[in-house]
């Protein structure tokens, strides 16, 4: 069964990059090595992998990636820290929705 991964990288400028892939270790290597000079992460290295979620359905992975991208920095940090109580509180307080000034980038290109 094929697996897909939604991942979050913390960049050296403290911003987050959110992406989707079918091999997160390969993608981390590609980001870290700066193979593509046009990538958001190229000038923000070194990078740290701070979150990975595994999916067997690529469409579920894409939905999850898009959802996380809309969240505030606080909500993303709660997810990364696995602080589910804070995540619930932030969701109930309607914090963590779009409109954040936080920098988050990523791609929904094919895994």
PDB file of N, CA and C in Angstrom:
ATOM      1  N   UNK A   1       0.848  -1.187   0.000  1.00  0.00           N
ATOM      2  CA  UNK A   1       0.000   0.000   0.000  1.00  0.00           C
ATOM      3  C   UNK A   1       0.889   1.244   0.000  1.00  0.00           C
ATOM      4  N   UNK A   2       0.580   2.165  -0.861  1.00  0.00           N
ATOM      5  CA  UNK A   2       1.351   3.401  -0.994  1.00  0.00           C
ATOM      6  C   UNK A   2       1.041   4.333   0.176  1.00  0.00           C
ATOM      7  N   UNK A   3       2.060   5.041   0.624  1.00  0.00           N
ATOM      8  CA  UNK A   3       1.882   6.007   1.700  1.00  0.00           C
ATOM      9  C   UNK A   3       2.240   7.401   1.213  1.00  0.00           C
ATOM     10  N   UNK A   4       1.562   8.389   1.787  1.00  0.00           N
ATOM     11  CA  UNK A   4       1.784   9.791   1.485  1.00  0.00           C
ATOM     12  C   UNK A   4       2.006  10.511   2.804  1.00  0.00           C
ATOM     13  N   UNK A   5       2.777  11.559   2.747  1.00  0.00           N
ATOM     14  CA  UNK A   5       3.156  12.262   3.969  1.00  0.00           C
ATOM     15  C   UNK A   5       2.923  13.764   3.816  1.00  0.00           C
ATOM     16  N   UNK A   6       2.348  14.348   4.859  1.00  0.00           N
ATOM     17  CA  UNK A   6       2.271  15.795   4.980  1.00  0.00           C
ATOM     18  C   UNK A   6       3.339  16.147   6.010  1.00  0.00           C
ATOM     19  N   UNK A   7       4.189  17.094   5.648  1.00  0.00           N
ATOM     20  CA  UNK A   7       5.310  17.406   6.527  1.00  0.00           C
ATOM     21  C   UNK A   7       5.421  18.914   6.727  1.00  0.00           C
ATOM     22  N   UNK A   8       6.027  19.259   7.859  1.00  0.00           N
ATOM     23  CA  UNK A   8       6.306  20.663   8.159  1.00  0.00           C
ATOM     24  C   UNK A   8       7.798  20.781   8.439  1.00  0.00           C
ATOM     25  N   UNK A   9       8.415  21.747   7.759  1.00  0.00           N
ATOM     26  CA  UNK A   9       9.807  22.078   8.009  1.00  0.00           C
ATOM     27  C   UNK A   9       9.863  23.433   8.690  1.00  0.00           C
ATOM     28  N   UNK A  10      10.703  23.540   9.693  1.00  0.00           N
ATOM     29  CA  UNK A  10      10.950  24.841  10.308  1.00  0.00           C
ATOM     30  C   UNK A  10      12.223  25.383   9.668  1.00  0.00           C
ATOM     31  N   UNK A  11      12.101  26.564   9.093  1.00  0.00           N
ATOM     32  CA  UNK A  11      13.208  27.179   8.378  1.00  0.00           C
ATOM     33  C   UNK A  11      14.087  27.992   9.334  1.00  0.00           C
ATOM     34  N   UNK A  12      15.289  28.316   8.878  1.00  0.00           N
ATOM     35  CA  UNK A  12      16.229  29.070   9.716  1.00  0.00           C
ATOM     36  C   UNK A  12      15.697  30.457  10.082  1.00  0.00           C
ATOM     37  N   UNK A  13      14.772  30.989   9.281  1.00  0.00           N
ATOM     38  CA  UNK A  13      14.169  32.292   9.603  1.00  0.00           C
ATOM     39  C   UNK A  13      12.919  32.143  10.474  1.00  0.00           C
ATOM     40  N   UNK A  14      12.690  30.922  10.972  1.00  0.00           N
ATOM     41  CA  UNK A  14      11.584  30.575  11.868  1.00  0.00           C
ATOM     42  C   UNK A  14      10.243  30.437  11.161  1.00  0.00           C
ATOM     43  N   UNK A  15      10.207  30.584   9.849  1.00  0.00           N
ATOM     44  CA  UNK A  15       8.968  30.353   9.113  1.00  0.00           C
ATOM     45  C   UNK A  15       8.785  28.843   8.928  1.00  0.00           C
ATOM     46  N   UNK A  16       7.594  28.464   8.497  1.00  0.00           N
ATOM     47  CA  UNK A  16       7.289  27.058   8.258  1.00  0.00           C
ATOM     48  C   UNK A  16       7.046  26.821   6.772  1.00  0.00           C
ATOM     49  N   UNK A  17       7.487  25.661   6.336  1.00  0.00           N
ATOM     50  CA  UNK A  17       7.188  25.200   4.983  1.00  0.00           C
ATOM     51  C   UNK A  17       6.373  23.926   5.145  1.00  0.00           C
ATOM     52  N   UNK A  18       5.234  23.867   4.494  1.00  0.00           N
ATOM     53  CA  UNK A  18       4.353  22.707   4.588  1.00  0.00           C
ATOM     54  C   UNK A  18       4.260  22.081   3.210  1.00  0.00           C
ATOM     55  N   UNK A  19       4.457  20.775   3.150  1.00  0.00           N
ATOM     56  CA  UNK A  19       4.422  20.095   1.867  1.00  0.00           C
ATOM     57  C   UNK A  19       3.831  18.701   1.966  1.00  0.00           C
ATOM     58  N   UNK A  20       3.719  18.069   0.821  1.00  0.00           N
ATOM     59  CA  UNK A  20       3.193  16.716   0.716  1.00  0.00           C
ATOM     60  C   UNK A  20       4.123  15.935  -0.209  1.00  0.00           C
ATOM     61  N   UNK A  21       4.329  14.671   0.095  1.00  0.00           N
ATOM     62  CA  UNK A  21       5.232  13.835  -0.683  1.00  0.00           C
ATOM     63  C   UNK A  21       4.922  12.362  -0.444  1.00  0.00           C
ATOM     64  N   UNK A  22       5.526  11.515  -1.264  1.00  0.00           N
ATOM     65  CA  UNK A  22       5.418  10.079  -1.013  1.00  0.00           C
ATOM     66  C   UNK A  22       6.705   9.539  -0.393  1.00  0.00           C
ATOM     67  N   UNK A  23       7.682  10.433  -0.122  1.00  0.00           N
ATOM     68  CA  UNK A  23       8.942  10.046   0.519  1.00  0.00           C
ATOM     69  C   UNK A  23       9.497  11.272   1.238  1.00  0.00           C
ATOM     70  N   UNK A  24       9.145  11.435   2.506  1.00  0.00           N
ATOM     71  CA  UNK A  24       9.517  12.664   3.208  1.00  0.00           C
ATOM     72  C   UNK A  24      11.023  12.747   3.483  1.00  0.00           C
ATOM     73  N   UNK A  25      11.700  11.612   3.623  1.00  0.00           N
ATOM     74  CA  UNK A  25      13.149  11.653   3.843  1.00  0.00           C
ATOM     75  C   UNK A  25      13.874  12.159   2.588  1.00  0.00           C
ATOM     76  N   UNK A  26      13.423  11.721   1.429  1.00  0.00           N
ATOM     77  CA  UNK A  26      13.988  12.212   0.176  1.00  0.00           C
ATOM     78  C   UNK A  26      13.726  13.696   0.027  1.00  0.00           C
ATOM     79  N   UNK A  27      12.486  14.122   0.323  1.00  0.00           N
ATOM     80  CA  UNK A  27      12.136  15.545   0.187  1.00  0.00           C
ATOM     81  C   UNK A  27      12.945  16.407   1.154  1.00  0.00           C
ATOM     82  N   UNK A  28      13.148  15.921   2.379  1.00  0.00           N
ATOM     83  CA  UNK A  28      13.966  16.680   3.328  1.00  0.00           C
ATOM     84  C   UNK A  28      15.381  16.833   2.773  1.00  0.00           C
ATOM     85  N   UNK A  29      15.933  15.757   2.239  1.00  0.00           N
ATOM     86  CA  UNK A  29      17.264  15.826   1.628  1.00  0.00           C
ATOM     87  C   UNK A  29      17.283  16.844   0.486  1.00  0.00           C
ATOM     88  N   UNK A  30      16.265  16.812  -0.357  1.00  0.00           N
ATOM     89  CA  UNK A  30      16.201  17.755  -1.484  1.00  0.00           C
ATOM     90  C   UNK A  30      16.138  19.200  -0.994  1.00  0.00           C
ATOM     91  N   UNK A  31      15.316  19.432   0.029  1.00  0.00           N
ATOM     92  CA  UNK A  31      15.226  20.786   0.597  1.00  0.00           C
ATOM     93  C   UNK A  31      16.564  21.194   1.209  1.00  0.00           C
ATOM     94  N   UNK A  32      17.148  20.310   2.020  1.00  0.00           N
ATOM     95  CA  UNK A  32      18.402  20.627   2.720  1.00  0.00           C
ATOM     96  C   UNK A  32      19.555  20.868   1.758  1.00  0.00           C
ATOM     97  N   UNK A  33      19.582  20.124   0.670  1.00  0.00           N
ATOM     98  CA  UNK A  33      20.695  20.252  -0.267  1.00  0.00           C
ATOM     99  C   UNK A  33      20.548  21.463  -1.180  1.00  0.00           C
ATOM    100  N   UNK A  34      19.365  22.050  -1.229  1.00  0.00           N
ATOM    101  CA  UNK A  34      19.153  23.245  -2.045  1.00  0.00           C
ATOM    102  C   UNK A  34      19.242  22.974  -3.527  1.00  0.00           C
ATOM    103  N   UNK A  35      18.802  21.799  -3.944  1.00  0.00           N
ATOM    104  CA  UNK A  35      18.896  21.415  -5.351  1.00  0.00           C
ATOM    105  C   UNK A  35      18.170  22.380  -6.277  1.00  0.00           C
ATOM    106  N   UNK A  36      17.031  22.876  -5.837  1.00  0.00           N
ATOM    107  CA  UNK A  36      16.265  23.809  -6.661  1.00  0.00           C
ATOM    108  C   UNK A  36      16.401  25.218  -6.079  1.00  0.00           C
ATOM    109  N   UNK A  37      17.066  26.068  -6.834  1.00  0.00           N
ATOM    110  CA  UNK A  37      17.333  27.432  -6.367  1.00  0.00           C
ATOM    111  C   UNK A  37      16.074  28.275  -6.252  1.00  0.00           C
ATOM    112  N   UNK A  38      14.990  27.854  -6.873  1.00  0.00           N
ATOM    113  CA  UNK A  38      13.752  28.628  -6.827  1.00  0.00           C
ATOM    114  C   UNK A  38      12.846  28.213  -5.664  1.00  0.00           C
ATOM    115  N   UNK A  39      13.182  27.160  -4.946  1.00  0.00           N
ATOM    116  CA  UNK A  39      12.356  26.724  -3.816  1.00  0.00           C
ATOM    117  C   UNK A  39      12.376  27.749  -2.685  1.00  0.00           C
ATOM    118  N   UNK A  40      11.261  27.881  -2.012  1.00  0.00           N
ATOM    119  CA  UNK A  40      11.146  28.779  -0.860  1.00  0.00           C
ATOM    120  C   UNK A  40      12.228  28.472   0.174  1.00  0.00           C
ATOM    121  N   UNK A  41      12.517  27.203   0.376  1.00  0.00           N
ATOM    122  CA  UNK A  41      13.450  26.804   1.426  1.00  0.00           C
ATOM    123  C   UNK A  41      14.913  27.028   1.062  1.00  0.00           C
ATOM    124  N   UNK A  42      15.209  27.293  -0.199  1.00  0.00           N
ATOM    125  CA  UNK A  42      16.602  27.378  -0.648  1.00  0.00           C
ATOM    126  C   UNK A  42      17.420  28.377   0.167  1.00  0.00           C
ATOM    127  N   UNK A  43      16.897  29.540   0.399  1.00  0.00           N
ATOM    128  CA  UNK A  43      17.637  30.578   1.141  1.00  0.00           C
ATOM    129  C   UNK A  43      17.325  30.558   2.634  1.00  0.00           C
ATOM    130  N   UNK A  44      16.580  29.571   3.081  1.00  0.00           N
ATOM    131  CA  UNK A  44      16.179  29.507   4.488  1.00  0.00           C
ATOM    132  C   UNK A  44      16.744  28.266   5.182  1.00  0.00           C
ATOM    133  N   UNK A  45      17.804  27.732   4.651  1.00  0.00           N
ATOM    134  CA  UNK A  45      18.460  26.569   5.236  1.00  0.00           C
ATOM    135  C   UNK A  45      19.379  27.017   6.361  1.00  0.00           C
ATOM    136  N   UNK A  46      19.649  26.197   7.356  1.00  0.00           N
ATOM    137  CA  UNK A  46      19.226  24.816   7.489  1.00  0.00           C
ATOM    138  C   UNK A  46      17.756  24.705   7.889  1.00  0.00           C
ATOM    139  N   UNK A  47      17.216  23.550   7.647  1.00  0.00           N
ATOM    140  CA  UNK A  47      15.813  23.244   7.911  1.00  0.00           C
ATOM    141  C   UNK A  47      15.724  22.134   8.939  1.00  0.00           C
ATOM    142  N   UNK A  48      14.606  22.125   9.640  1.00  0.00           N
ATOM    143  CA  UNK A  48      14.385  21.067  10.626  1.00  0.00           C
ATOM    144  C   UNK A  48      13.013  20.457  10.370  1.00  0.00           C
ATOM    145  N   UNK A  49      12.967  19.150  10.227  1.00  0.00           N
ATOM    146  CA  UNK A  49      11.695  18.451  10.084  1.00  0.00           C
ATOM    147  C   UNK A  49      11.037  18.413  11.456  1.00  0.00           C
ATOM    148  N   UNK A  50       9.849  19.035  11.580  1.00  0.00           N
ATOM    149  CA  UNK A  50       9.205  19.138  12.889  1.00  0.00           C
ATOM    150  C   UNK A  50       7.871  18.398  12.970  1.00  0.00           C
ATOM    151  N   UNK A  51       7.373  17.913  11.826  1.00  0.00           N
ATOM    152  CA  UNK A  51       6.078  17.235  11.843  1.00  0.00           C
ATOM    153  C   UNK A  51       5.943  16.382  10.594  1.00  0.00           C
ATOM    154  N   UNK A  52       5.402  15.161  10.781  1.00  0.00           N
ATOM    155  CA  UNK A  52       5.078  14.279   9.662  1.00  0.00           C
ATOM    156  C   UNK A  52       3.790  13.550  10.010  1.00  0.00           C
ATOM    157  N   UNK A  53       2.848  13.527   9.074  1.00  0.00           N
ATOM    158  CA  UNK A  53       1.618  12.730   9.210  1.00  0.00           C
ATOM    159  C   UNK A  53       1.570  11.788   8.013  1.00  0.00           C
ATOM    160  N   UNK A  54       1.162  10.559   8.262  1.00  0.00           N
ATOM    161  CA  UNK A  54       1.128   9.526   7.223  1.00  0.00           C
ATOM    162  C   UNK A  54      -0.301   9.252   6.791  1.00  0.00           C
ATOM    163  N   UNK A  55      -0.496   9.095   5.480  1.00  0.00           N
ATOM    164  CA  UNK A  55      -1.807   8.819   4.897  1.00  0.00           C
ATOM    165  C   UNK A  55      -1.672   7.716   3.862  1.00  0.00           C
ATOM    166  N   UNK A  56      -2.729   6.938   3.696  1.00  0.00           N
ATOM    167  CA  UNK A  56      -2.766   5.957   2.614  1.00  0.00           C
ATOM    168  C   UNK A  56      -3.597   6.469   1.442  1.00  0.00           C
ATOM    169  N   UNK A  57      -4.313   7.545   1.653  1.00  0.00           N
ATOM    170  CA  UNK A  57      -5.137   8.152   0.614  1.00  0.00           C
ATOM    171  C   UNK A  57      -4.562   9.530   0.271  1.00  0.00           C
ATOM    172  N   UNK A  58      -4.097   9.686  -0.947  1.00  0.00           N
ATOM    173  CA  UNK A  58      -3.459  10.941  -1.345  1.00  0.00           C
ATOM    174  C   UNK A  58      -4.408  12.128  -1.214  1.00  0.00           C
ATOM    175  N   UNK A  59      -5.686  11.920  -1.442  1.00  0.00           N
ATOM    176  CA  UNK A  59      -6.645  13.024  -1.353  1.00  0.00           C
ATOM    177  C   UNK A  59      -6.817  13.488   0.089  1.00  0.00           C
ATOM    178  N   UNK A  60      -6.797  12.556   1.037  1.00  0.00           N
ATOM    179  CA  UNK A  60      -6.861  12.941   2.450  1.00  0.00           C
ATOM    180  C   UNK A  60      -5.611  13.738   2.836  1.00  0.00           C
ATOM    181  N   UNK A  61      -4.470  13.336   2.313  1.00  0.00           N
ATOM    182  CA  UNK A  61      -3.224  14.047   2.594  1.00  0.00           C
ATOM    183  C   UNK A  61      -3.285  15.472   2.049  1.00  0.00           C
ATOM    184  N   UNK A  62      -3.796  15.625   0.849  1.00  0.00           N
ATOM    185  CA  UNK A  62      -3.900  16.952   0.235  1.00  0.00           C
ATOM    186  C   UNK A  62      -4.831  17.847   1.054  1.00  0.00           C
ATOM    187  N   UNK A  63      -5.946  17.298   1.501  1.00  0.00           N
ATOM    188  CA  UNK A  63      -6.895  18.068   2.322  1.00  0.00           C
ATOM    189  C   UNK A  63      -6.227  18.514   3.621  1.00  0.00           C
ATOM    190  N   UNK A  64      -5.484  17.602   4.265  1.00  0.00           N
ATOM    191  CA  UNK A  64      -4.818  17.922   5.524  1.00  0.00           C
ATOM    192  C   UNK A  64      -3.762  19.005   5.324  1.00  0.00           C
ATOM    193  N   UNK A  65      -2.979  18.892   4.247  1.00  0.00           N
ATOM    194  CA  UNK A  65      -1.960  19.899   3.944  1.00  0.00           C
ATOM    195  C   UNK A  65      -2.610  21.273   3.770  1.00  0.00           C
ATOM    196  N   UNK A  66      -3.659  21.333   2.984  1.00  0.00           N
ATOM    197  CA  UNK A  66      -4.336  22.614   2.737  1.00  0.00           C
ATOM    198  C   UNK A  66      -4.931  23.183   4.014  1.00  0.00           C
ATOM    199  N   UNK A  67      -5.457  22.312   4.872  1.00  0.00           N
ATOM    200  CA  UNK A  67      -6.057  22.778   6.122  1.00  0.00           C
ATOM    201  C   UNK A  67      -4.993  23.395   7.028  1.00  0.00           C
ATOM    202  N   UNK A  68      -3.878  22.705   7.193  1.00  0.00           N
ATOM    203  CA  UNK A  68      -2.809  23.217   8.061  1.00  0.00           C
ATOM    204  C   UNK A  68      -2.301  24.566   7.560  1.00  0.00           C
ATOM    205  N   UNK A  69      -2.207  24.725   6.262  1.00  0.00           N
ATOM    206  CA  UNK A  69      -1.705  25.977   5.695  1.00  0.00           C
ATOM    207  C   UNK A  69      -2.568  27.180   6.076  1.00  0.00           C
ATOM    208  N   UNK A  70      -3.836  26.936   6.385  1.00  0.00           N
ATOM    209  CA  UNK A  70      -4.743  28.023   6.766  1.00  0.00           C
ATOM    210  C   UNK A  70      -4.633  28.403   8.245  1.00  0.00           C
ATOM    211  N   UNK A  71      -3.975  27.595   9.013  1.00  0.00           N
ATOM    212  CA  UNK A  71      -3.900  27.811  10.452  1.00  0.00           C
ATOM    213  C   UNK A  71      -2.923  28.919  10.825  1.00  0.00           C
ATOM    214  N   UNK A  72      -3.152  29.479  12.013  1.00  0.00           N
ATOM    215  CA  UNK A  72      -2.232  30.468  12.568  1.00  0.00           C
ATOM    216  C   UNK A  72      -0.948  29.771  13.007  1.00  0.00           C
ATOM    217  N   UNK A  73       0.062  30.559  13.250  1.00  0.00           N
ATOM    218  CA  UNK A  73       1.324  30.015  13.741  1.00  0.00           C
ATOM    219  C   UNK A  73       1.123  29.292  15.074  1.00  0.00           C
ATOM    220  N   UNK A  74       0.316  29.867  15.973  1.00  0.00           N
ATOM    221  CA  UNK A  74       0.075  29.232  17.276  1.00  0.00           C
ATOM    222  C   UNK A  74      -0.550  27.847  17.113  1.00  0.00           C
ATOM    223  N   UNK A  75      -1.481  27.740  16.214  1.00  0.00           N
ATOM    224  CA  UNK A  75      -2.146  26.462  16.008  1.00  0.00           C
ATOM    225  C   UNK A  75      -1.173  25.443  15.393  1.00  0.00           C
ATOM    226  N   UNK A  76      -0.358  25.881  14.453  1.00  0.00           N
ATOM    227  CA  UNK A  76       0.657  24.991  13.871  1.00  0.00           C
ATOM    228  C   UNK A  76       1.636  24.533  14.944  1.00  0.00           C
ATOM    229  N   UNK A  77       2.046  25.447  15.805  1.00  0.00           N
ATOM    230  CA  UNK A  77       2.974  25.088  16.872  1.00  0.00           C
ATOM    231  C   UNK A  77       2.353  24.072  17.829  1.00  0.00           C
ATOM    232  N   UNK A  78       1.078  24.230  18.134  1.00  0.00           N
ATOM    233  CA  UNK A  78       0.394  23.264  18.992  1.00  0.00           C
ATOM    234  C   UNK A  78       0.385  21.880  18.333  1.00  0.00           C
ATOM    235  N   UNK A  79       0.151  21.838  17.033  1.00  0.00           N
ATOM    236  CA  UNK A  79       0.184  20.570  16.299  1.00  0.00           C
ATOM    237  C   UNK A  79       1.579  19.960  16.351  1.00  0.00           C
ATOM    238  N   UNK A  80       2.586  20.753  16.073  1.00  0.00           N
ATOM    239  CA  UNK A  80       3.971  20.284  16.080  1.00  0.00           C
ATOM    240  C   UNK A  80       4.348  19.751  17.460  1.00  0.00           C
ATOM    241  N   UNK A  81       3.914  20.444  18.499  1.00  0.00           N
ATOM    242  CA  UNK A  81       4.229  20.046  19.883  1.00  0.00           C
ATOM    243  C   UNK A  81       3.299  18.954  20.407  1.00  0.00           C
ATOM    244  N   UNK A  82       2.346  18.557  19.579  1.00  0.00           N
ATOM    245  CA  UNK A  82       1.344  17.552  19.964  1.00  0.00           C
ATOM    246  C   UNK A  82       0.562  17.982  21.197  1.00  0.00           C
ATOM    247  N   UNK A  83       0.346  19.278  21.288  1.00  0.00           N
ATOM    248  CA  UNK A  83      -0.422  19.852  22.383  1.00  0.00           C
ATOM    249  C   UNK A  83      -1.879  19.932  21.925  1.00  0.00           C
ATOM    250  N   UNK A  84      -2.566  18.809  22.005  1.00  0.00           N
ATOM    251  CA  UNK A  84      -3.915  18.709  21.467  1.00  0.00           C
ATOM    252  C   UNK A  84      -4.926  19.526  22.262  1.00  0.00           C
ATOM    253  N   UNK A  85      -4.659  19.732  23.554  1.00  0.00           N
ATOM    254  CA  UNK A  85      -5.557  20.584  24.341  1.00  0.00           C
ATOM    255  C   UNK A  85      -5.522  22.016  23.808  1.00  0.00           C
ATOM    256  N   UNK A  86      -4.332  22.515  23.535  1.00  0.00           N
ATOM    257  CA  UNK A  86      -4.198  23.866  22.986  1.00  0.00           C
ATOM    258  C   UNK A  86      -4.831  23.949  21.601  1.00  0.00           C
ATOM    259  N   UNK A  87      -4.653  22.907  20.806  1.00  0.00           N
ATOM    260  CA  UNK A  87      -5.253  22.878  19.466  1.00  0.00           C
ATOM    261  C   UNK A  87      -6.764  23.019  19.555  1.00  0.00           C
ATOM    262  N   UNK A  88      -7.372  22.290  20.480  1.00  0.00           N
ATOM    263  CA  UNK A  88      -8.825  22.347  20.654  1.00  0.00           C
ATOM    264  C   UNK A  88      -9.254  23.741  21.108  1.00  0.00           C
ATOM    265  N   UNK A  89      -8.511  24.309  22.060  1.00  0.00           N
ATOM    266  CA  UNK A  89      -8.847  25.650  22.551  1.00  0.00           C
ATOM    267  C   UNK A  89      -8.709  26.694  21.446  1.00  0.00           C
ATOM    268  N   UNK A  90      -7.641  26.602  20.665  1.00  0.00           N
ATOM    269  CA  UNK A  90      -7.443  27.552  19.576  1.00  0.00           C
ATOM    270  C   UNK A  90      -8.547  27.430  18.535  1.00  0.00           C
ATOM    271  N   UNK A  91      -8.989  26.218  18.275  1.00  0.00           N
ATOM    272  CA  UNK A  91     -10.071  26.009  17.311  1.00  0.00           C
ATOM    273  C   UNK A  91     -11.385  26.574  17.853  1.00  0.00           C
ATOM    274  N   UNK A  92     -11.646  26.354  19.141  1.00  0.00           N
ATOM    275  CA  UNK A  92     -12.877  26.854  19.747  1.00  0.00           C
ATOM    276  C   UNK A  92     -12.908  28.370  19.803  1.00  0.00           C
ATOM    277  N   UNK A  93     -11.741  28.975  19.965  1.00  0.00           N
ATOM    278  CA  UNK A  93     -11.660  30.434  20.035  1.00  0.00           C
ATOM    279  C   UNK A  93     -11.564  31.072  18.663  1.00  0.00           C
ATOM    280  N   UNK A  94     -11.651  30.240  17.632  1.00  0.00           N
ATOM    281  CA  UNK A  94     -11.573  30.695  16.242  1.00  0.00           C
ATOM    282  C   UNK A  94     -10.249  31.360  15.934  1.00  0.00           C
ATOM    283  N   UNK A  95      -9.260  31.092  16.758  1.00  0.00           N
ATOM    284  CA  UNK A  95      -7.904  31.502  16.420  1.00  0.00           C
ATOM    285  C   UNK A  95      -7.361  30.383  15.559  1.00  0.00           C
ATOM    286  N   UNK A  96      -6.361  30.681  14.782  1.00  0.00           N
ATOM    287  CA  UNK A  96      -5.777  29.632  13.967  1.00  0.00           C
ATOM    288  C   UNK A  96      -6.403  29.527  12.596  1.00  0.00           C
ATOM    289  N   UNK A  97      -7.309  30.440  12.269  1.00  0.00           N
ATOM    290  CA  UNK A  97      -7.869  30.439  10.926  1.00  0.00           C
ATOM    291  C   UNK A  97      -7.023  31.341  10.054  1.00  0.00           C
ATOM    292  N   UNK A  98      -7.348  31.440   8.791  1.00  0.00           N
ATOM    293  CA  UNK A  98      -6.557  32.260   7.873  1.00  0.00           C
ATOM    294  C   UNK A  98      -6.563  33.708   8.331  1.00  0.00           C
ATOM    295  N   UNK A  99      -5.622  34.457   7.788  1.00  0.00           N
ATOM    296  CA  UNK A  99      -5.506  35.857   8.165  1.00  0.00           C
ATOM    297  C   UNK A  99      -4.304  36.110   9.048  1.00  0.00           C
ATOM    298  N   UNK A 100      -3.546  35.079   9.328  1.00  0.00           N
ATOM    299  CA  UNK A 100      -2.349  35.218  10.134  1.00  0.00           C
ATOM    300  C   UNK A 100      -1.263  35.917   9.324  1.00  0.00           C
ATOM    301  N   UNK A 101      -0.392  36.631   9.998  1.00  0.00           N
ATOM    302  CA  UNK A 101       0.713  37.282   9.313  1.00  0.00           C
ATOM    303  C   UNK A 101       1.928  36.373   9.222  1.00  0.00           C
ATOM    304  N   UNK A 102       1.788  35.165   9.690  1.00  0.00           N
ATOM    305  CA  UNK A 102       2.853  34.178   9.718  1.00  0.00           C
ATOM    306  C   UNK A 102       3.192  33.710   8.303  1.00  0.00           C
ATOM    307  N   UNK A 103       4.458  33.485   8.043  1.00  0.00           N
ATOM    308  CA  UNK A 103       4.893  33.010   6.715  1.00  0.00           C
ATOM    309  C   UNK A 103       4.815  31.498   6.666  1.00  0.00           C
ATOM    310  N   UNK A 104       4.029  30.988   5.778  1.00  0.00           N
ATOM    311  CA  UNK A 104       3.937  29.548   5.556  1.00  0.00           C
ATOM    312  C   UNK A 104       3.876  29.320   4.071  1.00  0.00           C
ATOM    313  N   UNK A 105       4.720  28.424   3.637  1.00  0.00           N
ATOM    314  CA  UNK A 105       4.772  28.145   2.205  1.00  0.00           C
ATOM    315  C   UNK A 105       4.772  26.652   2.012  1.00  0.00           C
ATOM    316  N   UNK A 106       4.414  26.247   0.835  1.00  0.00           N
ATOM    317  CA  UNK A 106       4.418  24.840   0.533  1.00  0.00           C
ATOM    318  C   UNK A 106       3.822  24.601  -0.828  1.00  0.00           C
ATOM    319  N   UNK A 107       3.815  23.366  -1.192  1.00  0.00           N
ATOM    320  CA  UNK A 107       3.361  23.008  -2.522  1.00  0.00           C
ATOM    321  C   UNK A 107       2.371  21.871  -2.447  1.00  0.00           C
ATOM    322  N   UNK A 108       1.381  21.924  -3.304  1.00  0.00           N
ATOM    323  CA  UNK A 108       0.452  20.804  -3.413  1.00  0.00           C
ATOM    324  C   UNK A 108       0.715  20.039  -4.690  1.00  0.00           C
ATOM    325  N   UNK A 109       1.950  20.145  -5.181  1.00  0.00           N
ATOM    326  CA  UNK A 109       2.287  19.418  -6.399  1.00  0.00           C
ATOM    327  C   UNK A 109       2.237  17.923  -6.135  1.00  0.00           C
ATOM    328  N   UNK A 110       2.266  17.161  -7.191  1.00  0.00           N
ATOM    329  CA  UNK A 110       2.100  15.720  -7.049  1.00  0.00           C
ATOM    330  C   UNK A 110       3.149  15.145  -6.135  1.00  0.00           C
ATOM    331  N   UNK A 111       2.749  14.222  -5.282  1.00  0.00           N
ATOM    332  CA  UNK A 111       3.656  13.626  -4.304  1.00  0.00           C
ATOM    333  C   UNK A 111       4.699  12.879  -5.000  1.00  0.00           C
TER     334      UNK A 111
END
